[in-house]
């Protein structure tokens, strides 16, 4: 029995496997179903998979996870550390509350496993994904895209576009496309926590479910190692989700900032034809060309005279107007914009950029 504050009885989120078609997985977590499936590779349950996905939400809810099987002790230690770190940022219990069998029953004992040789890079067609794929030393065999994370399963047009991109980039790089669909993000116990806090663990959980094929999962970097902020995927947290005998989670090269990553891939034809950075999910376009993230990326490509080559962005002629129309940069993104004062922008683009930075600085607390 997991421990808790004296005199209290924390909620118990029991994880119970559900029957599922061959190659897919399903479970009840706190009496609500969660599923994952793929036509590209078989999925199989692993003791660490669903606990990885739900341990941060459970910590925030002061709940105990009840696992039907014993978990890898290395994973347990890493999960404890990640839960404690997340609690120091966002609140919650300062360790993983996990109830598991004292010993593995003979009837449920898994045969000894050998970690699969497959190596997958998580791929969303963004700057960090392309940088990890094209400039990393991870030697991936697969590109993993998870339908239901940043693209909803029912967004048929965008799913089709992403699958076509996955196939095209896979063919060009000699890697196999691997699409997995899951309803994890809609699970009632997962929903309350913001995605920016849970996405690293969610990706790692899918990696655990892919263990028959994938022995190593690489999560592309977000913030540079010297600029880390409280975030769901970091070089210090992602590897802690590993169960080394079955699944290793790696974090991509975070030595530079996003500006550096753009410069490293800016001349690549694959990037020109398939780059997707936008979170707005505007119908009919991969990138809206008007949001902060689109414009931050477009400015760098424009400043090295490559924007006209990136066919997934609006024409360069629209950049100045879009910069003028952006009310202000949110404080958490403002530092990233300061990385590129020396870009070779056109005079009207430089004026618009400087005006945007000026009004953003005035409004920043």
Protein backbone atom coordinates (compact mmCIF):
# COMPACT_ATOMS: atom_id res chain seq x y z
CA UNK A 1 0.00 0.00 0.00
CA UNK A 2 1.37 3.43 -0.93
CA UNK A 3 1.89 5.89 1.84
CA UNK A 4 0.00 9.18 2.28
CA UNK A 5 -0.55 11.98 4.80
CA UNK A 6 -1.64 10.67 8.23
CA UNK A 7 -5.38 10.39 8.59
CA UNK A 8 -6.13 10.71 4.87
CA UNK A 9 -7.04 8.19 2.23
CA UNK A 10 -5.83 9.34 -1.21
CA UNK A 11 -7.73 8.43 -4.35
CA UNK A 12 -6.58 5.23 -6.02
CA UNK A 13 -6.20 5.17 -9.80
CA UNK A 14 -6.15 1.48 -10.66
CA UNK A 15 -4.55 0.45 -13.96
CA UNK A 16 -6.26 -2.63 -15.37
CA UNK A 17 -5.45 -4.13 -18.80
CA UNK A 18 -8.38 -4.43 -21.22
CA UNK A 19 -8.74 -6.91 -24.08
CA UNK A 20 -7.63 -5.33 -27.35
CA UNK A 21 -7.14 -6.44 -30.95
CA UNK A 22 -3.73 -7.98 -31.70
CA UNK A 23 -0.99 -5.37 -31.88
CA UNK A 24 -2.95 -2.72 -29.99
CA UNK A 25 -3.29 -2.01 -26.27
CA UNK A 26 -6.04 -0.79 -23.96
CA UNK A 27 -6.45 -0.32 -20.25
CA UNK A 28 -8.78 1.08 -17.65
CA UNK A 29 -7.16 3.86 -15.64
CA UNK A 30 -9.32 5.02 -12.74
CA UNK A 31 -12.24 3.17 -14.39
CA UNK A 32 -11.88 5.09 -17.68
CA UNK A 33 -10.51 3.47 -20.88
CA UNK A 34 -7.37 4.55 -22.69
CA UNK A 35 -6.20 2.99 -25.96
CA UNK A 36 -3.36 3.05 -28.47
CA UNK A 37 -3.06 1.33 -31.83
CA UNK A 38 -1.00 1.34 -35.01
CA UNK A 39 -1.02 -0.21 -38.45
CA UNK A 40 2.76 0.22 -38.75
CA UNK A 41 4.13 -1.75 -35.78
CA UNK A 42 2.71 -3.97 -33.04
CA UNK A 43 2.05 -2.42 -29.65
CA UNK A 44 2.33 -4.42 -26.43
CA UNK A 45 1.65 -3.46 -22.85
CA UNK A 46 4.59 -2.81 -20.55
CA UNK A 47 4.41 -2.32 -16.77
CA UNK A 48 5.91 1.17 -17.07
CA UNK A 49 3.80 2.47 -19.97
CA UNK A 50 0.57 3.78 -18.42
CA UNK A 51 2.27 4.75 -15.12
CA UNK A 52 4.61 6.96 -17.19
CA UNK A 53 1.65 8.70 -18.78
CA UNK A 54 -0.34 9.18 -15.59
CA UNK A 55 2.16 9.67 -12.76
CA UNK A 56 2.37 13.48 -13.12
CA UNK A 57 -1.44 13.92 -13.23
CA UNK A 58 -1.71 11.52 -10.28
CA UNK A 59 0.80 13.58 -8.31
CA UNK A 60 -1.16 16.77 -8.95
CA UNK A 61 -4.38 15.01 -7.89
CA UNK A 62 -2.74 13.51 -4.76
CA UNK A 63 -3.67 10.05 -6.06
CA UNK A 64 -2.08 6.62 -5.81
CA UNK A 65 -1.41 4.69 -9.02
CA UNK A 66 -2.21 1.01 -8.61
CA UNK A 67 -0.20 -1.12 -11.02
CA UNK A 68 -1.09 -4.75 -11.79
CA UNK A 69 2.61 -5.58 -12.25
CA UNK A 70 5.90 -4.63 -10.71
CA UNK A 71 7.76 -1.90 -12.54
CA UNK A 72 11.44 -1.68 -13.39
CA UNK A 73 13.32 -0.31 -10.34
CA UNK A 74 15.38 2.06 -12.49
CA UNK A 75 12.19 3.46 -14.00
CA UNK A 76 10.71 3.79 -10.49
CA UNK A 77 13.69 5.80 -9.29
CA UNK A 78 13.57 8.06 -12.34
CA UNK A 79 9.82 8.55 -12.07
CA UNK A 80 10.22 9.50 -8.39
CA UNK A 81 12.77 12.15 -9.38
CA UNK A 82 10.57 13.53 -12.18
CA UNK A 83 7.51 13.70 -9.93
CA UNK A 84 9.49 15.50 -7.25
CA UNK A 85 10.86 18.02 -9.75
CA UNK A 86 7.43 18.65 -11.26
CA UNK A 87 5.98 19.11 -7.78
CA UNK A 88 8.59 21.79 -7.04
CA UNK A 89 7.38 23.67 -10.14
CA UNK A 90 3.65 23.10 -10.23
CA UNK A 91 2.67 21.49 -6.92
CA UNK A 92 1.57 17.97 -6.10
CA UNK A 93 3.05 15.11 -4.11
CA UNK A 94 6.84 15.12 -3.96
CA UNK A 95 7.23 11.44 -4.88
CA UNK A 96 5.49 8.82 -6.95
CA UNK A 97 2.69 7.11 -5.04
CA UNK A 98 2.64 3.66 -6.55
CA UNK A 99 0.97 0.53 -5.24
CA UNK A 100 2.31 -2.61 -6.92
CA UNK A 101 2.48 -6.32 -6.12
CA UNK A 102 5.16 -7.23 -3.63
CA UNK A 103 6.46 -9.92 -5.95
CA UNK A 104 5.64 -11.00 -9.47
CA UNK A 105 3.32 -13.97 -9.53
CA UNK A 106 4.59 -16.95 -11.50
CA UNK A 107 1.48 -16.95 -13.66
CA UNK A 108 2.11 -13.32 -14.71
CA UNK A 109 5.87 -13.53 -15.05
CA UNK A 110 7.09 -12.09 -18.30
CA UNK A 111 9.79 -14.02 -20.13
CA UNK A 112 13.22 -12.38 -20.20
CA UNK A 113 13.30 -9.70 -22.87
CA UNK A 114 16.01 -8.29 -25.06
CA UNK A 115 15.75 -4.63 -25.92
CA UNK A 116 14.66 -4.21 -29.55
CA UNK A 117 17.17 -2.73 -31.97
CA UNK A 118 14.72 -0.21 -33.46
CA UNK A 119 15.44 3.48 -32.79
CA UNK A 120 12.66 5.99 -33.32
CA UNK A 121 12.79 9.78 -33.45
CA UNK A 122 9.59 11.55 -32.47
CA UNK A 123 8.70 13.54 -35.57
CA UNK A 124 6.14 16.31 -36.02
CA UNK A 125 7.82 17.96 -39.03
CA UNK A 126 8.94 20.91 -36.91
CA UNK A 127 12.31 22.59 -36.49
CA UNK A 128 13.37 20.44 -33.52
CA UNK A 129 12.24 17.24 -35.26
CA UNK A 130 14.13 18.00 -38.46
CA UNK A 131 17.21 19.10 -36.53
CA UNK A 132 17.25 15.86 -34.53
CA UNK A 133 16.69 13.75 -37.64
CA UNK A 134 19.10 15.51 -40.00
CA UNK A 135 21.82 16.76 -37.66
CA UNK A 136 21.68 14.32 -34.73
CA UNK A 137 23.78 11.20 -34.32
CA UNK A 138 20.90 8.97 -33.23
CA UNK A 139 20.90 6.67 -36.30
CA UNK A 140 17.08 6.30 -36.29
CA UNK A 141 15.37 3.41 -38.00
CA UNK A 142 11.85 4.87 -37.59
CA UNK A 143 10.04 8.21 -37.51
CA UNK A 144 7.28 8.27 -34.90
CA UNK A 145 4.24 10.49 -35.21
CA UNK A 146 1.49 10.19 -32.61
CA UNK A 147 -2.02 10.96 -33.85
CA UNK A 148 -4.06 12.39 -31.01
CA UNK A 149 -1.28 14.50 -29.48
CA UNK A 150 -0.76 17.75 -31.40
CA UNK A 151 -3.10 16.69 -34.22
CA UNK A 152 -6.54 15.35 -33.31
CA UNK A 153 -7.60 11.98 -34.68
CA UNK A 154 -10.75 13.51 -36.21
CA UNK A 155 -8.78 16.20 -38.09
CA UNK A 156 -8.74 14.00 -41.18
CA UNK A 157 -7.15 16.54 -43.52
CA UNK A 158 -4.23 17.33 -41.23
CA UNK A 159 -3.71 13.69 -40.30
CA UNK A 160 -3.55 12.77 -43.98
CA UNK A 161 -1.05 15.56 -44.63
CA UNK A 162 1.14 14.49 -41.73
CA UNK A 163 1.08 10.84 -42.81
CA UNK A 164 2.08 11.86 -46.33
CA UNK A 165 4.91 13.95 -44.87
CA UNK A 166 6.01 11.06 -42.68
CA UNK A 167 6.19 8.77 -45.72
CA UNK A 168 8.04 11.32 -47.86
CA UNK A 169 10.61 12.20 -45.19
CA UNK A 170 11.03 8.55 -44.28
CA UNK A 171 11.70 7.59 -47.87
CA UNK A 172 14.21 10.42 -48.27
CA UNK A 173 16.10 9.55 -45.08
CA UNK A 174 15.89 5.76 -45.19
CA UNK A 175 13.69 5.55 -42.10
CA UNK A 176 10.38 3.76 -41.67
CA UNK A 177 7.24 5.81 -40.96
CA UNK A 178 5.55 4.80 -37.72
CA UNK A 179 2.18 6.34 -36.85
CA UNK A 180 0.48 5.52 -33.55
CA UNK A 181 -3.01 6.69 -32.64
CA UNK A 182 -4.11 7.17 -29.04
CA UNK A 183 -6.93 8.78 -27.08
CA UNK A 184 -4.67 9.46 -24.08
CA UNK A 185 -5.11 13.25 -24.26
CA UNK A 186 -8.88 12.92 -23.85
CA UNK A 187 -8.70 10.69 -20.76
CA UNK A 188 -10.50 12.45 -17.87
CA UNK A 189 -7.55 12.00 -15.50
CA UNK A 190 -5.04 13.26 -18.07
CA UNK A 191 -6.97 16.30 -19.31
CA UNK A 192 -6.64 18.63 -16.29
CA UNK A 193 -2.85 19.00 -16.58
CA UNK A 194 -1.59 21.32 -19.35
CA UNK A 195 0.06 19.58 -22.30
CA UNK A 196 3.28 21.57 -21.88
CA UNK A 197 3.72 19.75 -18.55
CA UNK A 198 2.88 16.20 -19.63
CA UNK A 199 3.94 15.83 -23.26
CA UNK A 200 7.38 14.34 -22.56
CA UNK A 201 5.91 11.62 -20.35
CA UNK A 202 3.14 10.97 -22.90
CA UNK A 203 5.68 10.41 -25.68
CA UNK A 204 7.76 8.17 -23.42
CA UNK A 205 4.64 6.12 -22.63
CA UNK A 206 4.09 5.47 -26.34
CA UNK A 207 7.74 4.46 -26.58
CA UNK A 208 7.18 1.84 -23.88
CA UNK A 209 4.17 0.45 -25.76
CA UNK A 210 6.32 0.09 -28.89
CA UNK A 211 8.90 -2.10 -27.15
CA UNK A 212 8.46 -5.12 -29.48
CA UNK A 213 9.98 -2.98 -32.26
CA UNK A 214 11.51 0.12 -30.68
CA UNK A 215 14.21 -0.15 -28.02
CA UNK A 216 15.22 3.52 -28.04
CA UNK A 217 12.98 6.55 -28.38
CA UNK A 218 14.51 9.98 -29.06
CA UNK A 219 12.49 13.05 -28.04
CA UNK A 220 13.69 16.20 -29.87
CA UNK A 221 14.82 19.11 -27.69
CA UNK A 222 12.71 22.11 -26.79
CA UNK A 223 14.67 24.71 -24.81
CA UNK A 224 18.44 24.96 -24.88
CA UNK A 225 20.26 23.25 -22.02
CA UNK A 226 21.47 26.63 -20.68
CA UNK A 227 17.95 28.08 -20.77
CA UNK A 228 15.84 25.35 -19.24
CA UNK A 229 12.48 26.31 -17.77
CA UNK A 230 9.80 24.22 -16.04
CA UNK A 231 8.66 22.10 -18.97
CA UNK A 232 7.39 18.60 -19.71
CA UNK A 233 10.35 17.50 -21.85
CA UNK A 234 13.94 18.30 -20.85
CA UNK A 235 17.38 16.70 -21.08
CA UNK A 236 17.29 15.95 -17.35
CA UNK A 237 13.78 14.46 -17.22
CA UNK A 238 13.20 12.49 -20.43
CA UNK A 239 15.90 9.82 -19.83
CA UNK A 240 14.45 9.11 -16.38
CA UNK A 241 11.38 7.54 -18.00
CA UNK A 242 13.60 4.69 -19.25
CA UNK A 243 13.25 1.04 -18.29
CA UNK A 244 16.74 0.13 -19.56
CA UNK A 245 16.15 -3.58 -20.21
CA UNK A 246 13.18 -2.80 -22.44
CA UNK A 247 12.97 0.87 -23.48
CA UNK A 248 15.50 3.72 -23.34
CA UNK A 249 14.31 7.30 -23.68
CA UNK A 250 16.81 9.84 -25.00
CA UNK A 251 16.60 13.62 -25.31
CA UNK A 252 17.97 15.18 -28.48
CA UNK A 253 20.87 17.63 -28.69
CA UNK A 254 19.90 20.64 -26.56
CA UNK A 255 23.28 22.35 -26.66
CA UNK A 256 21.98 25.21 -28.82
CA UNK A 257 18.84 27.32 -28.95
CA UNK A 258 16.11 27.12 -31.56
CA UNK A 259 17.74 29.84 -33.64
CA UNK A 260 20.83 27.63 -33.96
CA UNK A 261 18.70 24.66 -35.02
CA UNK A 262 17.00 26.67 -37.75
CA UNK A 263 20.35 27.81 -39.11
CA UNK A 264 21.54 24.19 -39.14
CA UNK A 265 18.66 22.95 -41.32
CA UNK A 266 17.65 26.07 -43.25
CA UNK A 267 19.08 24.99 -46.60
CA UNK A 268 17.60 21.46 -46.56
CA UNK A 269 15.07 20.77 -49.36
CA UNK A 270 13.16 18.37 -47.06
CA UNK A 271 12.66 21.25 -44.64
CA UNK A 272 11.60 23.59 -47.43
CA UNK A 273 8.88 21.21 -48.53
CA UNK A 274 7.56 19.89 -45.22
CA UNK A 275 8.28 22.24 -42.29
CA UNK A 276 5.35 22.57 -39.88
CA UNK A 277 5.74 24.73 -36.77
CA UNK A 278 2.24 26.14 -36.24
CA UNK A 279 -0.03 25.09 -33.38
CA UNK A 280 -3.05 27.01 -34.66
CA UNK A 281 -4.22 24.15 -36.94
CA UNK A 282 -5.78 26.54 -39.45
CA UNK A 283 -7.74 24.60 -42.10
CA UNK A 284 -5.98 24.34 -45.44
CA UNK A 285 -2.49 25.26 -44.23
CA UNK A 286 0.37 23.70 -42.33
CA UNK A 287 1.46 27.10 -40.98
CA UNK A 288 -0.82 30.08 -40.47
CA UNK A 289 2.04 32.57 -40.97
CA UNK A 290 0.52 34.97 -38.42
CA UNK A 291 1.01 33.48 -34.94
CA UNK A 292 4.03 34.19 -32.75
CA UNK A 293 5.67 30.82 -33.41
CA UNK A 294 5.25 31.04 -37.18
CA UNK A 295 6.62 34.58 -37.28
CA UNK A 296 9.55 33.80 -34.99
CA UNK A 297 10.54 31.02 -37.41
CA UNK A 298 9.85 33.02 -40.57
CA UNK A 299 12.01 35.91 -39.39
CA UNK A 300 15.05 33.63 -39.09
CA UNK A 301 14.50 32.08 -42.52
CA UNK A 302 14.01 35.57 -43.99
CA UNK A 303 17.17 36.85 -42.30
CA UNK A 304 19.29 34.21 -44.07
CA UNK A 305 17.41 34.60 -47.37
CA UNK A 306 15.72 31.19 -47.25
CA UNK A 307 12.10 32.07 -46.50
CA UNK A 308 11.12 32.17 -50.17
CA UNK A 309 12.17 28.50 -50.43
CA UNK A 310 9.93 27.24 -47.61
CA UNK A 311 6.72 26.46 -49.46
CA UNK A 312 4.77 25.70 -46.28
CA UNK A 313 4.93 29.38 -45.22
CA UNK A 314 3.11 32.32 -46.83
CA UNK A 315 5.03 34.42 -49.33
CA UNK A 316 7.73 36.67 -47.86
CA UNK A 317 5.76 39.72 -48.93
CA UNK A 318 3.30 38.99 -46.12
CA UNK A 319 5.94 39.01 -43.35
CA UNK A 320 6.04 42.75 -42.65
CA UNK A 321 2.26 43.04 -42.42
CA UNK A 322 2.07 39.99 -40.12
CA UNK A 323 4.76 41.43 -37.81
CA UNK A 324 2.87 44.73 -37.65
CA UNK A 325 -0.37 42.89 -36.85
CA UNK A 326 1.07 40.84 -33.96
CA UNK A 327 0.01 42.74 -30.80
CA UNK A 328 2.95 41.69 -28.64
CA UNK A 329 5.22 38.76 -27.86
CA UNK A 330 4.35 36.88 -24.68
CA UNK A 331 7.02 37.31 -21.97
CA UNK A 332 8.03 33.61 -21.98
CA UNK A 333 8.91 33.85 -25.70
CA UNK A 334 10.54 37.28 -25.72
CA UNK A 335 14.05 36.04 -24.99
CA UNK A 336 13.99 33.77 -28.04
CA UNK A 337 13.40 36.81 -30.25
CA UNK A 338 16.51 38.49 -28.89
CA UNK A 339 18.68 35.74 -30.42
CA UNK A 340 18.60 37.22 -33.90
CA UNK A 341 19.37 40.96 -33.98
CA UNK A 342 22.01 40.50 -36.71
CA UNK A 343 19.80 38.88 -39.35
CA UNK A 344 19.96 40.42 -42.81
CA UNK A 345 16.35 41.56 -43.05
CA UNK A 346 14.88 43.97 -45.56
CA UNK A 347 14.42 47.53 -44.23
CA UNK A 348 10.64 47.21 -43.86
CA UNK A 349 11.02 43.83 -42.09
CA UNK A 350 13.67 45.28 -39.75
CA UNK A 351 11.41 48.21 -38.89
CA UNK A 352 8.45 45.92 -38.21
CA UNK A 353 10.58 43.58 -36.07
CA UNK A 354 12.05 46.42 -34.00
CA UNK A 355 8.58 47.91 -33.47
CA UNK A 356 7.24 44.52 -32.35
CA UNK A 357 10.11 44.07 -29.90
CA UNK A 358 9.64 47.60 -28.56
CA UNK A 359 5.92 47.21 -27.83
CA UNK A 360 6.48 43.73 -26.41
CA UNK A 361 9.15 45.02 -24.04
CA UNK A 362 6.88 47.84 -22.89
CA UNK A 363 4.07 45.37 -22.12
CA UNK A 364 6.33 42.76 -20.50
CA UNK A 365 6.06 42.81 -16.68
